[in-house]
Protein backbone atom coordinates (compact mmCIF):
# COMPACT_ATOMS: atom_id res chain seq x y z
CA UNK A 1 -0.02 0.04 0.01
CA UNK A 2 1.40 3.50 -0.87
CA UNK A 3 2.15 5.82 1.87
CA UNK A 4 -0.17 8.80 1.96
CA UNK A 5 1.05 12.37 2.37
CA UNK A 6 -0.68 12.67 5.69
CA UNK A 7 0.83 9.65 7.31
CA UNK A 8 2.78 10.72 10.41
CA UNK A 9 4.75 7.69 11.44
CA UNK A 10 5.30 5.05 8.73
CA UNK A 11 6.01 1.57 9.80
CA UNK A 12 9.09 -0.11 8.48
CA UNK A 13 6.99 -2.55 6.36
CA UNK A 14 5.73 0.31 4.37
CA UNK A 15 8.14 1.98 2.03
CA UNK A 16 6.65 2.98 -1.22
CA UNK A 17 7.60 6.55 -2.07
CA UNK A 18 5.03 9.11 -2.95
CA UNK A 19 5.20 10.94 -6.25
CA UNK A 20 7.62 13.40 -4.59
CA UNK A 21 9.80 11.55 -2.11
CA UNK A 22 9.16 9.85 1.26
CA UNK A 23 7.33 11.50 4.13
CA UNK A 24 9.07 12.26 7.35
CA UNK A 25 10.25 10.70 9.61
CA UNK A 26 10.85 7.76 7.09
CA UNK A 27 12.79 10.00 4.88
CA UNK A 28 15.25 10.75 7.61
CA UNK A 29 15.78 7.08 8.42
CA UNK A 30 16.02 6.07 4.79
CA UNK A 31 18.58 8.87 4.21
CA UNK A 32 20.56 7.71 7.20
CA UNK A 33 20.72 4.18 5.72
CA UNK A 34 22.05 5.63 2.49
CA UNK A 35 24.58 7.82 4.25
CA UNK A 36 25.90 4.92 6.35
CA UNK A 37 26.35 2.73 3.26
CA UNK A 38 28.13 5.58 1.46
CA UNK A 39 30.47 5.86 4.34
CA UNK A 40 31.23 2.14 4.36
CA UNK A 41 32.28 2.28 0.73
CA UNK A 42 34.51 5.34 1.09
CA UNK A 43 36.14 4.23 4.33
CA UNK A 44 36.85 0.71 3.06
CA UNK A 45 38.54 1.98 -0.07
CA UNK A 46 40.56 4.68 1.66
CA UNK A 47 41.78 2.52 4.52
CA UNK A 48 42.95 -0.23 2.11
CA UNK A 49 45.04 2.36 0.24
CA UNK A 50 46.68 3.44 3.50
CA UNK A 51 47.40 -0.18 4.54
CA UNK A 52 49.00 -1.33 1.29
CA UNK A 53 52.59 -0.85 2.37
CA UNK A 54 51.96 -2.73 5.64
CA UNK A 55 50.05 -5.56 3.83
CA UNK A 56 52.96 -5.79 1.32
CA UNK A 57 55.53 -6.19 4.10
CA UNK A 58 53.42 -8.57 6.21
CA UNK A 59 52.56 -10.97 3.28
CA UNK A 60 56.02 -10.60 1.84
CA UNK A 61 54.90 -9.60 -1.63
CA UNK A 62 56.14 -6.82 -3.96
CA UNK A 63 54.28 -3.44 -3.80
CA UNK A 64 53.41 -3.68 -7.56
CA UNK A 65 51.76 -7.03 -6.87
CA UNK A 66 49.92 -5.72 -3.77
CA UNK A 67 48.23 -3.11 -5.97
CA UNK A 68 46.00 -5.90 -7.22
CA UNK A 69 44.17 -5.84 -3.89
CA UNK A 70 42.84 -2.46 -5.15
CA UNK A 71 42.59 -3.39 -8.83
CA UNK A 72 40.56 -6.54 -8.26
CA UNK A 73 38.20 -4.63 -6.08
CA UNK A 74 37.74 -1.80 -8.55
CA UNK A 75 37.44 -3.97 -11.65
CA UNK A 76 34.76 -6.01 -9.93
CA UNK A 77 32.76 -2.94 -9.12
CA UNK A 78 32.89 -1.34 -12.54
CA UNK A 79 32.14 -4.65 -14.27
CA UNK A 80 28.95 -5.27 -12.23
CA UNK A 81 27.55 -1.85 -11.58
CA UNK A 82 25.11 -1.68 -14.53
CA UNK A 83 23.90 -5.28 -14.22
CA UNK A 84 23.03 -4.63 -10.60
CA UNK A 85 21.25 -1.41 -11.62
CA UNK A 86 19.07 -3.44 -13.96
CA UNK A 87 18.55 -6.19 -11.34
CA UNK A 88 17.39 -3.52 -8.82
CA UNK A 89 14.50 -2.59 -11.11
CA UNK A 90 13.29 -6.23 -11.06
CA UNK A 91 13.86 -7.37 -7.40
CA UNK A 92 13.52 -4.01 -5.69
CA UNK A 93 15.89 -1.48 -4.15
CA UNK A 94 15.44 -2.68 -0.59
CA UNK A 95 16.13 -6.36 -1.37
CA UNK A 96 19.30 -5.61 -3.42
CA UNK A 97 20.59 -3.20 -0.83
CA UNK A 98 20.32 -5.88 1.81
CA UNK A 99 21.99 -8.44 -0.43
CA UNK A 100 24.88 -6.09 -1.13
CA UNK A 101 25.47 -5.25 2.46
CA UNK A 102 25.45 -8.95 3.49
CA UNK A 103 27.87 -9.89 0.61
CA UNK A 104 30.16 -6.98 1.57
CA UNK A 105 30.12 -8.02 5.19
CA UNK A 106 30.95 -11.61 4.39
CA UNK A 107 33.85 -10.32 2.26
CA UNK A 108 35.03 -8.10 5.09
CA UNK A 109 35.05 -11.14 7.52
CA UNK A 110 37.01 -13.08 4.98
CA UNK A 111 39.55 -10.29 4.59
CA UNK A 112 39.99 -10.25 8.38
CA UNK A 113 41.24 -13.80 8.23
CA UNK A 114 43.30 -13.52 4.99
CA UNK A 115 46.79 -15.07 5.40
CA UNK A 116 47.95 -14.77 1.76
CA UNK A 117 47.70 -12.36 -1.12
CA UNK A 118 45.53 -14.79 -3.14
CA UNK A 119 43.13 -15.15 -0.18
CA UNK A 120 42.85 -11.42 0.28
CA UNK A 121 42.24 -10.74 -3.44
CA UNK A 122 39.42 -13.28 -3.51
CA UNK A 123 37.78 -11.71 -0.49
CA UNK A 124 38.25 -8.23 -1.88
CA UNK A 125 36.46 -9.42 -5.04
CA UNK A 126 33.54 -10.52 -2.79
CA UNK A 127 33.57 -7.15 -1.18
CA UNK A 128 33.64 -5.55 -4.59
CA UNK A 129 30.48 -7.47 -5.58
CA UNK A 130 28.70 -6.26 -2.40
CA UNK A 131 29.89 -2.69 -2.84
CA UNK A 132 28.77 -2.67 -6.43
CA UNK A 133 25.35 -3.89 -5.45
CA UNK A 134 24.69 -1.01 -3.08
CA UNK A 135 26.63 1.56 -5.17
CA UNK A 136 24.31 0.91 -8.12
CA UNK A 137 21.43 2.11 -5.92
CA UNK A 138 22.77 5.48 -4.75
CA UNK A 139 21.34 7.56 -7.48
CA UNK A 140 17.98 5.83 -7.55
CA UNK A 141 17.64 5.98 -3.79
CA UNK A 142 18.27 9.72 -3.64
CA UNK A 143 15.71 10.20 -6.39
CA UNK A 144 13.08 8.26 -4.47
CA UNK A 145 13.88 9.31 -0.84
CA UNK A 146 13.95 13.12 -1.34
CA UNK A 147 11.18 15.36 -2.84
CA UNK A 148 12.37 17.26 -5.94
CA UNK A 149 12.78 20.48 -4.05
CA UNK A 150 15.21 18.77 -1.56
CA UNK A 151 17.02 16.69 -4.14
CA UNK A 152 20.05 19.07 -4.23
CA UNK A 153 20.18 18.94 -0.42
CA UNK A 154 20.24 15.19 -0.50
CA UNK A 155 23.04 15.08 -3.10
CA UNK A 156 25.04 17.61 -1.02
CA UNK A 157 24.56 15.47 2.11
CA UNK A 158 26.01 12.48 0.21
CA UNK A 159 28.95 14.61 -0.90
CA UNK A 160 29.59 15.85 2.63
CA UNK A 161 29.64 12.28 3.97
CA UNK A 162 32.04 11.28 1.23
CA UNK A 163 34.29 14.22 2.16
CA UNK A 164 34.13 13.53 5.83
CA UNK A 165 34.72 9.84 5.40
CA UNK A 166 37.72 10.58 3.00
CA UNK A 167 39.06 13.06 5.61
CA UNK A 168 39.05 10.69 8.55
CA UNK A 169 39.91 7.47 6.74
CA UNK A 170 43.69 7.98 6.51
CA UNK A 171 44.02 8.82 10.19
CA UNK A 172 41.62 6.01 11.16
CA UNK A 173 43.63 3.45 9.09
CA UNK A 174 46.92 4.58 10.63
CA UNK A 175 45.41 4.36 14.08
CA UNK A 176 44.11 0.86 13.59
CA UNK A 177 47.40 -0.35 12.05
CA UNK A 178 49.23 1.25 14.86
CA UNK A 179 47.38 -0.61 17.66
CA UNK A 180 46.47 -3.92 15.95
CA UNK A 181 47.10 -6.07 12.88
CA UNK A 182 46.13 -4.65 9.49
CA UNK A 183 43.44 -7.36 9.28
CA UNK A 184 41.36 -5.23 11.60
CA UNK A 185 40.85 -2.34 9.08
CA UNK A 186 38.28 -4.71 7.42
CA UNK A 187 36.63 -5.43 10.79
CA UNK A 188 35.81 -1.76 11.33
CA UNK A 189 33.11 -1.72 8.73
CA UNK A 190 31.20 -4.74 10.10
CA UNK A 191 29.32 -2.77 12.79
CA UNK A 192 28.44 -0.20 10.17
CA UNK A 193 27.06 -2.92 7.90
CA UNK A 194 24.81 -4.22 10.78
CA UNK A 195 23.58 -0.67 11.37
CA UNK A 196 22.87 -0.18 7.72
CA UNK A 197 20.98 -3.54 7.63
CA UNK A 198 18.63 -2.41 10.38
CA UNK A 199 18.01 0.97 8.64
CA UNK A 200 17.13 -0.75 5.39
CA UNK A 201 13.74 -1.30 6.92
CA UNK A 202 12.95 2.27 6.01
CA UNK A 203 14.33 2.22 2.46
CA UNK A 204 11.49 2.89 -0.07
CA UNK A 205 9.88 0.08 -2.00
CA UNK A 206 10.02 1.12 -5.68
CA UNK A 207 7.68 -0.34 -8.31
CA UNK A 208 9.38 -3.29 -9.99
CA UNK A 209 9.81 -3.82 -13.74
CA UNK A 210 8.33 -7.01 -14.97
CA UNK A 211 10.79 -8.31 -17.48
CA UNK A 212 13.40 -11.15 -17.54
CA UNK A 213 16.94 -10.31 -16.60
CA UNK A 214 19.36 -10.10 -19.54
CA UNK A 215 22.05 -12.41 -18.39
CA UNK A 216 23.96 -12.29 -21.72
CA UNK A 217 24.17 -8.44 -21.73
CA UNK A 218 25.30 -8.56 -18.08
CA UNK A 219 28.22 -10.88 -18.97
CA UNK A 220 29.08 -8.87 -22.06
CA UNK A 221 28.97 -5.60 -20.03
CA UNK A 222 31.29 -7.15 -17.47
CA UNK A 223 33.72 -8.20 -20.17
CA UNK A 224 33.47 -4.83 -21.90
CA UNK A 225 34.18 -2.49 -18.90
CA UNK A 226 36.18 -4.89 -16.78
CA UNK A 227 38.26 -5.93 -19.72
CA UNK A 228 38.99 -2.25 -20.61
CA UNK A 229 40.13 -1.32 -17.14
CA UNK A 230 42.21 -4.47 -16.87
CA UNK A 231 43.71 -3.50 -20.25
CA UNK A 232 44.69 -0.10 -18.81
CA UNK A 233 46.23 -1.73 -15.70
CA UNK A 234 48.31 -4.28 -17.69
CA UNK A 235 49.16 -2.25 -20.78
CA UNK A 236 52.78 -1.69 -19.82
CA UNK A 237 53.60 -4.81 -17.90
CA UNK A 238 51.89 -7.53 -19.99
CA UNK A 239 51.38 -6.08 -23.49
CA UNK A 240 50.09 -9.20 -25.20
CA UNK A 241 47.54 -10.08 -22.50
CA UNK A 242 46.40 -6.47 -22.36
CA UNK A 243 45.79 -6.28 -26.09
CA UNK A 244 43.79 -9.45 -25.93
CA UNK A 245 41.73 -7.89 -23.14
CA UNK A 246 41.18 -4.73 -25.26
CA UNK A 247 39.95 -6.86 -28.20
CA UNK A 248 37.54 -8.70 -25.88
CA UNK A 249 36.33 -5.38 -24.50
CA UNK A 250 35.71 -3.86 -27.93
CA UNK A 251 33.84 -6.86 -29.28
CA UNK A 252 31.72 -7.24 -26.08
CA UNK A 253 30.92 -3.53 -26.04
CA UNK A 254 29.81 -3.62 -29.71
CA UNK A 255 27.49 -6.57 -29.10
CA UNK A 256 26.03 -4.89 -25.98
CA UNK A 257 25.42 -1.69 -27.99
CA UNK A 258 23.64 -3.59 -30.76
CA UNK A 259 21.50 -5.54 -28.29
CA UNK A 260 20.58 -2.37 -26.35
CA UNK A 261 19.29 -0.71 -29.46
CA UNK A 262 16.39 -3.12 -29.76
CA UNK A 263 15.35 -2.89 -26.06
CA UNK A 264 13.08 -0.17 -24.59
CA UNK A 265 14.73 -0.57 -21.14
CA UNK A 266 18.14 -2.06 -21.79
CA UNK A 267 20.61 -3.37 -19.14
CA UNK A 268 23.19 -0.98 -20.43
CA UNK A 269 21.10 2.32 -20.64
CA UNK A 270 22.02 3.38 -24.12
CA UNK A 271 18.60 4.89 -24.39
CA UNK A 272 19.44 7.43 -21.65
CA UNK A 273 22.51 8.49 -23.40
CA UNK A 274 20.40 9.72 -26.32
CA UNK A 275 19.12 12.42 -23.93
CA UNK A 276 21.57 15.33 -24.49
CA UNK A 277 21.31 16.73 -20.94
CA UNK A 278 22.02 13.31 -19.40
CA UNK A 279 24.86 12.54 -21.85
CA UNK A 280 26.64 15.86 -21.25
CA UNK A 281 26.37 15.55 -17.42
CA UNK A 282 27.74 11.94 -17.51
CA UNK A 283 30.69 12.92 -19.74
CA UNK A 284 31.74 15.88 -17.56
CA UNK A 285 31.35 13.78 -14.48
CA UNK A 286 33.70 11.15 -15.84
CA UNK A 287 36.19 13.96 -16.86
CA UNK A 288 36.11 15.60 -13.39
CA UNK A 289 36.80 12.26 -11.59
CA UNK A 290 39.60 11.54 -14.08
CA UNK A 291 41.17 14.90 -13.30
CA UNK A 292 40.77 14.35 -9.55
CA UNK A 293 42.38 10.91 -9.82
CA UNK A 294 45.24 12.28 -11.84
CA UNK A 295 45.87 14.85 -9.13
CA UNK A 296 45.44 12.66 -6.10
CA UNK A 297 47.84 10.01 -7.39
CA UNK A 298 50.46 12.34 -8.99
CA UNK A 299 50.69 15.05 -6.34
CA UNK A 300 52.03 12.91 -3.48
CA UNK A 301 54.98 11.86 -5.69
CA UNK A 302 55.54 15.47 -6.62
CA UNK A 303 55.44 16.64 -3.00
CA UNK A 304 57.61 13.86 -1.61
CA UNK A 305 60.12 13.18 -4.43
CA UNK A 306 60.46 16.62 -5.96
CA UNK A 307 59.80 18.89 -3.02
CA UNK A 308 61.10 16.50 -0.40
CA UNK A 309 58.10 16.90 1.95
CA UNK A 310 57.43 14.38 4.80
CA UNK A 311 54.59 11.91 4.61
CA UNK A 312 52.89 13.73 7.49
CA UNK A 313 53.09 17.07 5.69
CA UNK A 314 51.65 15.58 2.54
CA UNK A 315 48.77 14.01 4.46
CA UNK A 316 48.00 17.39 6.09
CA UNK A 317 48.14 19.09 2.66
CA UNK A 318 45.74 16.61 1.14
CA UNK A 319 43.17 17.11 3.93
CA UNK A 320 42.49 20.51 2.38
CA UNK A 321 40.71 18.92 -0.55
CA UNK A 322 37.90 17.17 1.41
CA UNK A 323 37.60 20.08 3.85
CA UNK A 324 36.84 22.36 0.88
CA UNK A 325 34.24 19.93 -0.37
CA UNK A 326 32.61 19.83 2.99
CA UNK A 327 32.36 23.66 2.99
CA UNK A 328 31.12 24.24 -0.46
CA UNK A 329 28.62 21.37 -0.99
CA UNK A 330 25.69 23.00 0.93
CA UNK A 331 26.29 26.27 -0.95
CA UNK A 332 26.33 24.52 -4.30
CA UNK A 333 23.08 22.71 -3.33
CA UNK A 334 21.27 25.94 -2.64
CA UNK A 335 22.57 27.59 -5.79
CA UNK A 336 21.52 24.56 -7.96
CA UNK A 337 17.85 25.43 -7.29
CA UNK A 338 18.36 28.80 -8.97
CA UNK A 339 20.97 28.32 -11.63
CA UNK A 340 21.48 25.66 -14.40
CA UNK A 341 24.07 22.95 -13.83
CA UNK A 342 26.21 24.20 -16.77
CA UNK A 343 26.84 27.45 -14.99
CA UNK A 344 27.61 25.95 -11.66
CA UNK A 345 29.56 22.92 -12.97
CA UNK A 346 31.38 25.17 -15.41
CA UNK A 347 32.39 27.53 -12.58
CA UNK A 348 33.51 24.65 -10.46
CA UNK A 349 35.66 23.07 -13.19
CA UNK A 350 37.30 26.44 -13.83
CA UNK A 351 38.09 26.92 -10.14
CA UNK A 352 39.54 23.38 -9.97
CA UNK A 353 41.54 23.99 -13.12
CA UNK A 354 42.85 27.30 -11.68
CA UNK A 355 43.98 25.61 -8.47
CA UNK A 356 45.93 22.93 -10.44
CA UNK A 357 47.52 25.46 -12.72
CA UNK A 358 48.73 27.62 -9.89
CA UNK A 359 50.08 24.41 -8.13
CA UNK A 360 52.16 23.65 -11.26
CA UNK A 361 53.72 27.12 -11.44
CA UNK A 362 54.44 27.55 -7.74
CA UNK A 363 58.22 27.86 -7.03
CA UNK A 364 59.58 24.71 -5.41
CA UNK A 365 60.75 26.76 -2.39
CA UNK A 366 57.26 28.07 -1.65
CA UNK A 367 55.96 27.44 1.96
CA UNK A 368 53.96 24.15 2.15
CA UNK A 369 50.74 26.11 3.05
CA UNK A 370 50.73 27.55 -0.50
CA UNK A 371 50.54 24.07 -2.02
CA UNK A 372 47.76 23.27 0.52
CA UNK A 373 45.77 26.39 -0.61
CA UNK A 374 46.06 25.21 -4.25
CA UNK A 375 44.61 21.86 -3.24
CA UNK A 376 41.95 23.63 -1.31
CA UNK A 377 41.09 25.70 -4.36
CA UNK A 378 40.94 22.51 -6.54
CA UNK A 379 38.76 20.77 -3.89
CA UNK A 380 36.54 23.83 -3.76
CA UNK A 381 35.98 23.70 -7.48
CA UNK A 382 35.44 19.89 -7.49
CA UNK A 383 32.88 20.10 -4.68
CA UNK A 384 31.08 23.05 -6.40
CA UNK A 385 30.97 20.95 -9.55
CA UNK A 386 29.55 17.79 -8.16
CA UNK A 387 26.18 18.55 -6.58
CA UNK A 388 24.64 20.48 -9.46
CA UNK A 389 26.01 18.02 -12.07
CA UNK A 390 24.83 14.99 -10.11
CA UNK A 391 21.41 16.73 -9.79
CA UNK A 392 21.32 17.19 -13.52
CA UNK A 393 22.06 13.51 -14.15
CA UNK A 394 19.31 12.34 -11.85
CA UNK A 395 16.63 14.78 -13.08
CA UNK A 396 17.36 14.55 -16.83
CA UNK A 397 16.19 10.87 -16.91
CA UNK A 398 12.57 9.72 -16.26
CA UNK A 399 11.77 8.49 -12.64
CA UNK A 400 11.02 4.97 -13.71
CA UNK A 401 14.67 4.71 -14.91
CA UNK A 402 16.09 5.97 -11.63
CA UNK A 403 18.07 2.77 -10.93
CA UNK A 404 19.72 2.83 -14.39
CA UNK A 405 20.41 6.52 -13.91
CA UNK A 406 22.21 5.87 -10.58
CA UNK A 407 24.17 3.03 -12.15
CA UNK A 408 25.42 5.28 -14.92
CA UNK A 409 26.25 8.00 -12.40
CA UNK A 410 28.40 5.54 -10.34
CA UNK A 411 29.92 3.98 -13.54
CA UNK A 412 30.95 7.35 -14.81
CA UNK A 413 32.70 8.16 -11.51
CA UNK A 414 34.57 4.89 -11.37
CA UNK A 415 35.43 4.95 -15.04
CA UNK A 416 36.89 8.42 -14.58
CA UNK A 417 38.87 7.35 -11.51
CA UNK A 418 40.31 4.23 -13.21
CA UNK A 419 41.10 6.05 -16.38
CA UNK A 420 42.88 8.81 -14.40
CA UNK A 421 44.96 6.16 -12.60
CA UNK A 422 45.94 4.53 -15.83
CA UNK A 423 46.90 7.93 -17.30
CA UNK A 424 49.26 8.45 -14.29
CA UNK A 425 50.90 5.10 -15.07
CA UNK A 426 51.34 6.28 -18.65
CA UNK A 427 52.91 9.58 -17.51
CA UNK A 428 55.42 7.65 -15.40
CA UNK A 429 56.19 5.18 -18.18
CA UNK A 430 56.88 8.00 -20.68
CA UNK A 431 58.93 10.01 -18.25
CA UNK A 432 59.87 8.52 -14.89
CA UNK A 433 61.54 11.77 -13.76
CA UNK A 434 58.63 14.06 -14.62
CA UNK A 435 55.66 11.73 -14.45
CA UNK A 436 54.26 13.35 -11.31
CA UNK A 437 54.42 16.87 -12.82
CA UNK A 438 52.93 15.60 -16.15
CA UNK A 439 50.17 13.84 -14.27
CA UNK A 440 49.07 17.03 -12.53
CA UNK A 441 49.32 18.93 -15.83
CA UNK A 442 47.23 16.35 -17.58
CA UNK A 443 44.65 16.66 -14.82
CA UNK A 444 44.46 20.43 -15.35
CA UNK A 445 43.97 19.84 -19.09
CA UNK A 446 41.22 17.27 -18.57
CA UNK A 447 39.24 19.51 -16.23
CA UNK A 448 39.87 22.46 -18.51
CA UNK A 449 38.25 20.38 -21.36
CA UNK A 450 35.36 19.70 -19.03
CA UNK A 451 34.92 23.47 -18.67
CA UNK A 452 34.58 23.73 -22.43
CA UNK A 453 31.91 21.00 -22.43
CA UNK A 454 30.02 22.93 -19.69
CA UNK A 455 30.34 26.08 -21.79
CA UNK A 456 28.71 24.16 -24.69
CA UNK A 457 25.90 22.98 -22.36
CA UNK A 458 25.17 26.59 -21.43
CA UNK A 459 25.27 27.88 -25.04
CA UNK A 460 22.86 25.11 -26.20
CA UNK A 461 20.68 25.58 -23.17
CA UNK A 462 20.31 21.88 -22.64
CA UNK A 463 19.96 21.88 -18.88
CA UNK A 464 17.77 24.94 -18.06
CA UNK A 465 14.59 22.78 -17.65
CA UNK A 466 16.06 20.63 -14.91
CA UNK A 467 16.78 23.30 -12.31
């Protein structure tokens, strides 16, 4: 039974959103469930990054091999995001969210008891499957939890949680490793998973799509996206294997595209990309995350190897980025109700580009705080960009495709991050001495190009109807 607008205290068993979001207090509890799950994903990824040197030493494996703890997790997520988005439309948001949390929690328990690299990679793949299941729901849940007038507020809350989790994760990881075995970094998320499971009682029940699941397209999509990311990761170390993966990726992608053309609601939402507003927002989203990834990976090498800063100083400098995001996200949310995304996202991308360009031209003997201010400026632009652009993605697609919309949003983000990481590897391969500098410069170029795409959006007036 649908929840009426006058209902004061909805029971957990009722969860169907009204035409314009959930009523309170169910909205608050459903939003809390979403925010906890977002925090789980961010903390898990960030803590693992911090722990890699310790894991490498403890398991007696090379650092380059240890990176596959991250790669296996990331490839799993990007390969399964869109299939999970399609599955959510058929089995329901609430059920898939619970399945994802349980799978992630089982993987975390397995990671706690890992005693070899192979064991840990397998359990990280399991965690990646769980994380992909709930990540595929983020956009759709926001669309169904919040009324349209509060959608930007919901998006900014998500961004603030991401920023806060990213800010505390390095210190949290260092603290856990300092007092216990690295295995316990995976145990930290288990209580959060249990809390999220309880809160899923209040997650909305969304009308399901009555159609068979396209298993072939799901497999082909995994081969296309997963194969491409694996190609980028292996391009310089295993050339023949990487070229084979690229061929598999291209062929699989082509078959998926042809199959999607004959489906009104395809697993890979090619139909949504025909919407100019949606397509532009997805493109600039991927570009912004690629630029951020280029900067986040390259800058530490620049600071430590070129400028000879300590690890502690670099950590403090990088805290400026998420702090800026925390400050600017609520402001961007309010402005997004009055101005088109092209104006706000364009301004954000220009600010981010400016911060990176100034960083590149700062004299090497400048005080560290100047470099921190550049990262703060870049983080400010990145945060100002995300809320209005994500709102444009969610509102430019029809409500009944909210799950596919959220899947594309998450896929664009991950694809951008993975591409950025691969471009950093390319920069270091071409020039080991200047790879860090070239990586930051390439990040500035990519976000500069995103500014041009936003200018094109503004000139064509493609997003004025979704304020």
